Amino acid sequence: MQIVELDIKLPYEGRGKILSRLYGKVRGRIRDIHFFPPDAEGISEIKMEVVEDNAPKLLSDLKKIVRNGKITLRVLSEV
């Protein structure tokens, strides 16, 4: 198991639809989550800490959901 940090940047307008689908993928494994307001260009940022067994598979699944945004993954620790 790994604790990974997901940094998700996406347009503010479509954030609600995307967040509901993201939550369906990581339900029950979220340790911490922070929502940041949109910047001047309308891009909102979300930082999530998730406990995950297979981080590369999670990243590929989330990239399919967040098409108009950007996702970065950083491994914080091995459990």
C-alpha atoms as a PDB file:
ATOM      1  CA  MET A   1       0.000   0.000   0.000  1.00  0.00           C
ATOM      2  CA  GLN A   2       1.081   3.527  -0.741  1.00  0.00           C
ATOM      3  CA  ILE A   3      -0.071   6.947   0.338  1.00  0.00           C
ATOM      4  CA  VAL A   4      -0.184   9.088  -2.794  1.00  0.00           C
ATOM      5  CA  GLU A   5      -0.951  12.747  -3.331  1.00  0.00           C
ATOM      6  CA  LEU A   6      -3.060  13.629  -6.353  1.00  0.00           C
ATOM      7  CA  ASP A   7      -2.837  17.205  -7.598  1.00  0.00           C
ATOM      8  CA  ILE A   8      -5.765  17.814  -9.948  1.00  0.00           C
ATOM      9  CA  LYS A   9      -6.203  21.010 -11.950  1.00  0.00           C
ATOM     10  CA  LEU A  10      -9.431  21.383 -13.900  1.00  0.00           C
ATOM     11  CA  PRO A  11     -11.797  24.038 -15.229  1.00  0.00           C
ATOM     12  CA  TYR A  12     -14.070  25.443 -12.543  1.00  0.00           C
ATOM     13  CA  GLU A  13     -17.233  25.175 -14.671  1.00  0.00           C
ATOM     14  CA  GLY A  14     -17.266  21.385 -15.010  1.00  0.00           C
ATOM     15  CA  ARG A  15     -15.847  20.641 -11.582  1.00  0.00           C
ATOM     16  CA  GLY A  16     -19.033  19.197 -10.041  1.00  0.00           C
ATOM     17  CA  LYS A  17     -19.545  16.460 -12.637  1.00  0.00           C
ATOM     18  CA  ILE A  18     -15.900  15.445 -12.572  1.00  0.00           C
ATOM     19  CA  LEU A  19     -15.674  15.424  -8.772  1.00  0.00           C
ATOM     20  CA  SER A  20     -18.625  13.069  -8.407  1.00  0.00           C
ATOM     21  CA  ARG A  21     -16.993  10.571 -10.767  1.00  0.00           C
ATOM     22  CA  LEU A  22     -13.609  10.984  -9.029  1.00  0.00           C
ATOM     23  CA  TYR A  23     -15.213  10.331  -5.673  1.00  0.00           C
ATOM     24  CA  GLY A  24     -16.726   7.128  -7.011  1.00  0.00           C
ATOM     25  CA  LYS A  25     -13.210   5.855  -7.840  1.00  0.00           C
ATOM     26  CA  VAL A  26     -11.496   6.734  -4.535  1.00  0.00           C
ATOM     27  CA  ARG A  27     -14.385   6.340  -2.079  1.00  0.00           C
ATOM     28  CA  GLY A  28     -13.258   5.164   1.344  1.00  0.00           C
ATOM     29  CA  ARG A  29      -9.545   5.617   0.639  1.00  0.00           C
ATOM     30  CA  ILE A  30      -9.254   9.423   0.967  1.00  0.00           C
ATOM     31  CA  ARG A  31      -7.097  10.552   3.880  1.00  0.00           C
ATOM     32  CA  ASP A  32      -7.085  14.307   3.240  1.00  0.00           C
ATOM     33  CA  ILE A  33      -8.536  16.636   0.615  1.00  0.00           C
ATOM     34  CA  HIS A  34      -8.127  20.365  -0.079  1.00  0.00           C
ATOM     35  CA  PHE A  35     -10.086  22.495  -2.553  1.00  0.00           C
ATOM     36  CA  PHE A  36      -8.510  25.702  -3.813  1.00  0.00           C
ATOM     37  CA  PRO A  37     -10.480  28.524  -5.467  1.00  0.00           C
ATOM     38  CA  PRO A  38     -10.114  29.153  -9.194  1.00  0.00           C
ATOM     39  CA  ASP A  39      -7.339  31.391 -10.432  1.00  0.00           C
ATOM     40  CA  ALA A  40      -7.739  34.278 -12.895  1.00  0.00           C
ATOM     41  CA  GLU A  41      -7.904  31.806 -15.807  1.00  0.00           C
ATOM     42  CA  GLY A  42     -10.739  29.776 -14.211  1.00  0.00           C
ATOM     43  CA  ILE A  43      -8.636  26.738 -13.270  1.00  0.00           C
ATOM     44  CA  SER A  44      -9.474  25.160  -9.907  1.00  0.00           C
ATOM     45  CA  GLU A  45      -7.044  22.968  -7.961  1.00  0.00           C
ATOM     46  CA  ILE A  46      -7.753  19.951  -5.757  1.00  0.00           C
ATOM     47  CA  LYS A  47      -5.143  18.140  -3.658  1.00  0.00           C
ATOM     48  CA  MET A  48      -6.019  14.684  -2.348  1.00  0.00           C
ATOM     49  CA  GLU A  49      -4.139  12.163  -0.243  1.00  0.00           C
ATOM     50  CA  VAL A  50      -5.281   8.627  -1.037  1.00  0.00           C
ATOM     51  CA  VAL A  51      -4.276   5.189   0.258  1.00  0.00           C
ATOM     52  CA  GLU A  52      -3.785   3.041  -2.853  1.00  0.00           C
ATOM     53  CA  ASP A  53      -2.405  -0.388  -3.761  1.00  0.00           C
ATOM     54  CA  ASN A  54      -1.871   0.210  -7.486  1.00  0.00           C
ATOM     55  CA  ALA A  55      -1.058   3.896  -8.060  1.00  0.00           C
ATOM     56  CA  PRO A  56      -0.287   3.701 -11.825  1.00  0.00           C
ATOM     57  CA  LYS A  57      -3.668   2.073 -12.521  1.00  0.00           C
ATOM     58  CA  LEU A  58      -5.440   4.724 -10.424  1.00  0.00           C
ATOM     59  CA  LEU A  59      -3.654   7.464 -12.362  1.00  0.00           C
ATOM     60  CA  SER A  60      -4.651   6.001 -15.735  1.00  0.00           C
ATOM     61  CA  ASP A  61      -8.293   5.637 -14.597  1.00  0.00           C
ATOM     62  CA  LEU A  62      -8.420   9.223 -13.340  1.00  0.00           C
ATOM     63  CA  LYS A  63      -6.857  10.592 -16.533  1.00  0.00           C
ATOM     64  CA  LYS A  64      -9.783   9.086 -18.453  1.00  0.00           C
ATOM     65  CA  ILE A  65     -12.210  10.968 -16.193  1.00  0.00           C
ATOM     66  CA  VAL A  66     -10.358  14.313 -16.161  1.00  0.00           C
ATOM     67  CA  ARG A  67      -9.957  15.000 -19.855  1.00  0.00           C
ATOM     68  CA  ASN A  68      -9.842  18.817 -19.785  1.00  0.00           C
ATOM     69  CA  GLY A  69      -7.573  18.980 -16.750  1.00  0.00           C
ATOM     70  CA  LYS A  70      -4.198  17.880 -15.518  1.00  0.00           C
ATOM     71  CA  ILE A  71      -3.349  15.256 -12.883  1.00  0.00           C
ATOM     72  CA  THR A  72      -0.017  14.724 -11.180  1.00  0.00           C
ATOM     73  CA  LEU A  73       0.739  11.904  -8.761  1.00  0.00           C
ATOM     74  CA  ARG A  74       3.355  11.889  -6.038  1.00  0.00           C
ATOM     75  CA  VAL A  75       4.064   8.961  -3.713  1.00  0.00           C
ATOM     76  CA  LEU A  76       4.313  10.218  -0.140  1.00  0.00           C
ATOM     77  CA  SER A  77       5.035   6.958   1.668  1.00  0.00           C
ATOM     78  CA  GLU A  78       4.987   3.188   1.465  1.00  0.00           C
ATOM     79  CA  VAL A  79       2.750   1.548   4.055  1.00  0.00           C
END
